[in-house]
Structures are given as C-alpha cells and as structure tokens.
Amino acid sequence: MARRKLLKLEYMITIFVIIGVILIIMPIDIENTMQANFISRWNDKFARLEYMFSVISVHENDEILKSFKRASNAEEREKILIRIIEPYFRIHKTKLPKRYTVKFLNKTKVRHSDKYYFEDLYLSENGMIVGIKDIDNPNSSETAFMMMFDINGILPPNTWGKDIYGVDIKKEKIEPFGAQLSMEELKKDCSETGTGLGCSYYYNIGGGFDE
C-alpha cells in the first residue's frame, strides 16, 4: 500500500512538473508566433507600398507633386496622400479616437512632442491603423511624409518594432524607418533597449526577432 502511494505521489509530481514547464514555455512560444505573424504582415504591407509607388507613372508623379505645391496646408496635402493610398489599403475617412497610445520597444511612451508621434490616425483593412504625418517638404529629396502601420490595430502591444512599423515617403522612393542605419545599429535599436523604429527595416531585410 505504501509503495502504491509513493508511486502515485511520484506520478503526480511528474505531472505537475510537466504542466509547470508547459506553462512557462507556452507564453514564450505564443509571443514568438505572434511576432512572426506581425513581421510577415508588415513585409506584405511594405511590398504593397512598393508596388503602389511603382505603378504610378512619371507623369502622375509630376501631377501629384503639382498638387502638393498647390496645397495650402498640411491637411490638404494629407488628403492628397490618402487619395493615392486609399485603393491599396482601404483607409476609412474617419480618424481614430485620441485614446490610442503607442510605446517604443524599450517601453517608454511615445509623447506628443516626439518626432515619431502620429496625430492623424485612420482605421484601415482588417482593423489595421494607418498613421500619416506631413513633413511639409514635398519638393525635396528628403522625406515629405511619414507613415506608420499598426498591424494589430487597437489591440496590444501597440509597440514600435512589435506590431508597429513605419516608412519615410520621399519624392522618388519609400524607405522603412532605419534604412540609413548600419546592421549593428539596427540590431541595437531593434532590441529591448532600443526604440524599435529600426525594426521596420531590419525585419524587411530578413533580420530575426530572436537574434
């Protein structure tokens, strides 16, 4: 009888240990799966952006630049950009409520005064959030607009480098945030001590979130 109780106790302990290991591993595995999904969806969105710009002819680019010139303020320029991208991302015209907040990868909050704070946010396909920021520089080779894409919409983590990525829109090309950084700088920024902004380019060129 004592032997049977001992075996039963050992069996229960083994079961509890297995359950404990599963509970420890499961959140990490789920988080890694979610992150891989976010990265895959981000690369898909960026490929669609590249395609969008490639199908716009030189003549159309000239017309767009003229429209930007004629625009008297940032709001008008933003409306022009929305008209361009709307067929590709089905952006809703209604802006997102102000309750939405964003963090950098190092867990610091993105504040209103930060360069990468996006005030104008729109709901898009599958609940995705698209942010647009006018730089008021449409005639230069420098950035004219910045765009952010929260792949996961209003759902958490709402964090740069996890479910949020962004691009600089220039006169003749678009670039993911971080395109000017070295690989060493990208790895540092795309870590728990960095902002996560560089992840937009790092993951686009095949960098891994588990490196």
Protein backbone atom coordinates (compact mmCIF):
# COMPACT_ATOMS: atom_id res chain seq x y z
CA MET A 1 0.00 0.00 0.00
CA ALA A 2 2.81 2.42 0.92
CA ARG A 3 4.59 1.55 -2.32
CA ARG A 4 1.44 2.35 -4.30
CA LYS A 5 1.01 5.70 -2.54
CA LEU A 6 4.65 6.55 -3.24
CA LEU A 7 4.25 5.75 -6.94
CA LYS A 8 1.07 7.81 -7.07
CA LEU A 9 2.86 10.74 -5.42
CA GLU A 10 5.79 10.48 -7.85
CA TYR A 11 3.33 10.33 -10.75
CA MET A 12 1.52 13.46 -9.54
CA ILE A 13 4.81 15.31 -9.04
CA THR A 14 5.89 14.37 -12.57
CA ILE A 15 2.55 15.64 -13.96
CA PHE A 16 2.87 18.94 -12.05
CA VAL A 17 6.44 19.42 -13.31
CA ILE A 18 5.33 18.82 -16.91
CA ILE A 19 2.42 21.23 -16.51
CA GLY A 20 4.75 23.82 -14.98
CA VAL A 21 7.21 23.55 -17.87
CA ILE A 22 4.35 23.88 -20.37
CA LEU A 23 3.02 26.99 -18.60
CA ILE A 24 6.50 28.52 -18.68
CA ILE A 25 7.17 27.71 -22.34
CA MET A 26 3.70 28.38 -23.73
CA PRO A 27 3.63 32.20 -23.31
CA ILE A 28 7.05 32.50 -24.95
CA ASP A 29 6.00 30.27 -27.83
CA ILE A 30 2.74 32.18 -28.33
CA GLU A 31 4.57 35.52 -28.25
CA ASN A 32 7.13 34.31 -30.80
CA THR A 33 4.35 33.05 -33.07
CA MET A 34 2.53 36.39 -32.82
CA GLN A 35 5.75 38.32 -33.54
CA ALA A 36 6.50 36.17 -36.60
CA ASN A 37 2.96 36.85 -37.82
CA PHE A 38 3.34 40.62 -37.30
CA ILE A 39 6.63 40.60 -39.23
CA SER A 40 5.13 38.62 -42.10
CA ARG A 41 2.17 41.00 -42.33
CA TRP A 42 4.46 44.04 -42.16
CA ASN A 43 6.58 42.76 -45.05
CA ASP A 44 3.37 42.20 -47.01
CA LYS A 45 2.23 45.79 -46.36
CA PHE A 46 5.61 47.20 -47.36
CA ALA A 47 5.61 45.14 -50.57
CA ARG A 48 2.19 46.60 -51.34
CA LEU A 49 3.51 50.12 -50.73
CA GLU A 50 6.41 49.49 -53.09
CA TYR A 51 4.02 48.19 -55.72
CA MET A 52 1.78 51.22 -55.27
CA PHE A 53 4.66 53.58 -55.97
CA SER A 54 5.93 51.51 -58.89
CA VAL A 55 2.62 51.68 -60.78
CA ILE A 56 2.42 55.46 -60.56
CA SER A 57 3.84 56.80 -63.81
CA VAL A 58 6.31 59.69 -64.06
CA HIS A 59 3.52 61.89 -65.38
CA GLU A 60 1.31 61.02 -62.41
CA ASN A 61 4.20 61.73 -60.06
CA ASP A 62 4.55 65.19 -61.62
CA GLU A 63 0.82 65.81 -61.21
CA ILE A 64 0.94 64.69 -57.61
CA LEU A 65 3.88 66.98 -56.90
CA LYS A 66 1.98 69.88 -58.51
CA SER A 67 -0.99 69.07 -56.31
CA PHE A 68 1.24 69.13 -53.25
CA LYS A 69 2.59 72.54 -54.38
CA ARG A 70 -0.91 73.94 -54.74
CA ALA A 71 -1.98 72.62 -51.35
CA SER A 72 -2.09 75.49 -48.88
CA ASN A 73 -1.65 73.46 -45.69
CA ALA A 74 -0.76 70.09 -44.22
CA GLU A 75 -4.38 68.95 -44.13
CA GLU A 76 -4.77 69.38 -47.89
CA ARG A 77 -1.50 67.53 -48.56
CA GLU A 78 -2.65 64.72 -46.29
CA LYS A 79 -5.93 64.40 -48.19
CA ILE A 80 -3.97 64.06 -51.46
CA LEU A 81 -1.84 61.28 -49.97
CA ILE A 82 -4.93 59.48 -48.66
CA ARG A 83 -6.47 59.56 -52.14
CA ILE A 84 -3.33 57.92 -53.51
CA ILE A 85 -3.09 55.11 -50.97
CA GLU A 86 -6.81 54.53 -50.31
CA PRO A 87 -7.32 51.96 -53.13
CA TYR A 88 -4.41 49.89 -51.82
CA PHE A 89 -5.23 49.95 -48.10
CA ARG A 90 -8.96 50.83 -48.00
CA ILE A 91 -8.46 53.59 -45.46
CA HIS A 92 -11.57 54.83 -43.67
CA LYS A 93 -12.08 58.57 -43.82
CA THR A 94 -12.90 58.77 -40.10
CA LYS A 95 -9.90 59.37 -37.90
CA LEU A 96 -9.17 57.20 -34.89
CA PRO A 97 -10.17 58.44 -31.40
CA LYS A 98 -7.41 60.01 -29.30
CA ARG A 99 -7.45 57.22 -26.67
CA TYR A 100 -4.95 55.18 -28.71
CA THR A 101 -1.42 55.27 -27.21
CA VAL A 102 1.90 53.92 -28.53
CA LYS A 103 5.15 52.79 -26.88
CA PHE A 104 8.72 52.36 -28.05
CA LEU A 105 10.29 48.91 -27.76
CA ASN A 106 12.11 49.97 -24.57
CA LYS A 107 8.64 50.51 -23.02
CA THR A 108 8.82 54.33 -22.95
CA LYS A 109 5.69 56.12 -24.12
CA VAL A 110 5.70 57.97 -27.45
CA ARG A 111 4.93 61.54 -26.43
CA HIS A 112 3.21 64.27 -28.39
CA SER A 113 6.49 66.17 -28.80
CA ASP A 114 8.35 63.15 -30.27
CA LYS A 115 9.24 63.07 -33.95
CA TYR A 116 7.53 59.72 -34.34
CA TYR A 117 4.26 60.74 -32.70
CA PHE A 118 1.42 60.43 -35.22
CA GLU A 119 -1.61 62.58 -34.55
CA ASP A 120 -3.56 61.71 -37.69
CA LEU A 121 -4.58 58.06 -37.45
CA TYR A 122 -7.03 56.14 -39.62
CA LEU A 123 -8.61 52.71 -39.48
CA SER A 124 -7.82 50.53 -42.48
CA GLU A 125 -8.36 47.00 -43.73
CA ASN A 126 -8.69 44.20 -41.15
CA GLY A 127 -8.64 46.73 -38.31
CA MET A 128 -5.12 47.95 -39.10
CA ILE A 129 -4.27 51.51 -38.05
CA VAL A 130 -2.51 53.79 -40.52
CA GLY A 131 -0.84 56.99 -39.36
CA ILE A 132 0.16 59.85 -41.65
CA LYS A 133 2.48 62.73 -40.78
CA ASP A 134 3.16 65.60 -43.15
CA ILE A 135 6.75 66.90 -43.12
CA ASP A 136 5.89 69.88 -45.36
CA ASN A 137 8.81 69.17 -47.68
CA PRO A 138 7.30 67.79 -50.94
CA ASN A 139 9.80 69.38 -53.34
CA SER A 140 12.94 67.98 -51.74
CA SER A 141 14.70 64.65 -51.95
CA GLU A 142 14.18 64.45 -48.20
CA THR A 143 11.14 62.93 -46.52
CA ALA A 144 7.82 64.52 -47.47
CA PHE A 145 5.60 62.24 -45.39
CA MET A 146 5.96 59.58 -42.75
CA MET A 147 3.55 56.69 -42.40
CA MET A 148 3.06 54.18 -39.61
CA PHE A 149 1.21 50.86 -39.72
CA ASP A 150 -0.11 49.22 -36.57
CA ILE A 151 -0.62 45.73 -37.94
CA ASN A 152 -2.63 44.67 -34.90
CA GLY A 153 -4.87 47.75 -34.79
CA ILE A 154 -6.07 48.96 -31.39
CA LEU A 155 -5.18 45.61 -29.81
CA PRO A 156 -1.92 45.45 -27.81
CA PRO A 157 1.02 45.59 -27.76
CA ASN A 158 0.83 48.89 -29.77
CA THR A 159 4.63 49.00 -29.74
CA TRP A 160 7.20 50.07 -32.33
CA GLY A 161 9.12 47.02 -33.52
CA LYS A 162 6.42 44.57 -32.40
CA ASP A 163 3.15 45.38 -34.17
CA ILE A 164 4.01 48.91 -35.39
CA TYR A 165 6.28 49.75 -38.34
CA GLY A 166 6.85 52.83 -40.47
CA VAL A 167 8.19 54.34 -43.68
CA ASP A 168 9.60 57.60 -44.97
CA ILE A 169 7.92 58.72 -48.20
CA LYS A 170 10.31 60.67 -50.40
CA LYS A 171 9.98 62.22 -53.84
CA GLU A 172 11.09 59.13 -55.77
CA LYS A 173 11.11 56.29 -53.24
CA ILE A 174 9.91 54.97 -49.92
CA GLU A 175 12.17 53.65 -47.18
CA PRO A 176 11.39 51.75 -43.98
CA PHE A 177 12.47 53.52 -40.81
CA GLY A 178 16.08 52.60 -40.05
CA ALA A 179 17.19 52.27 -43.67
CA GLN A 180 20.14 54.58 -43.00
CA LEU A 181 21.43 52.59 -40.02
CA SER A 182 24.21 50.01 -40.06
CA MET A 183 23.43 46.39 -39.23
CA GLU A 184 24.97 46.81 -35.78
CA GLU A 185 22.84 49.91 -35.14
CA LEU A 186 19.73 48.11 -36.39
CA LYS A 187 20.26 45.17 -34.04
CA LYS A 188 20.75 47.54 -31.11
CA ASP A 189 17.68 49.61 -31.94
CA CYS A 190 15.59 46.50 -32.60
CA SER A 191 16.12 45.23 -29.05
CA GLU A 192 14.53 45.75 -25.66
CA THR A 193 16.86 48.70 -25.03
CA GLY A 194 16.10 50.42 -28.35
CA THR A 195 13.20 52.36 -29.80
CA GLY A 196 12.10 49.62 -32.19
CA LEU A 197 11.86 52.08 -35.08
CA GLY A 198 14.75 50.40 -36.90
CA CYS A 199 12.86 47.08 -36.83
CA SER A 200 10.88 48.38 -39.81
CA TYR A 201 13.98 47.99 -42.00
CA TYR A 202 15.70 45.24 -40.00
CA TYR A 203 12.84 42.77 -40.45
CA ASN A 204 12.34 43.89 -44.04
CA ILE A 205 15.85 42.72 -44.94
CA GLY A 206 15.49 39.40 -43.15
CA GLY A 207 16.61 40.20 -39.60
CA GLY A 208 15.25 37.87 -36.94
CA PHE A 209 13.47 39.00 -33.76
CA ASP A 210 15.11 36.18 -31.80
CA GLU A 211 18.69 37.08 -32.68
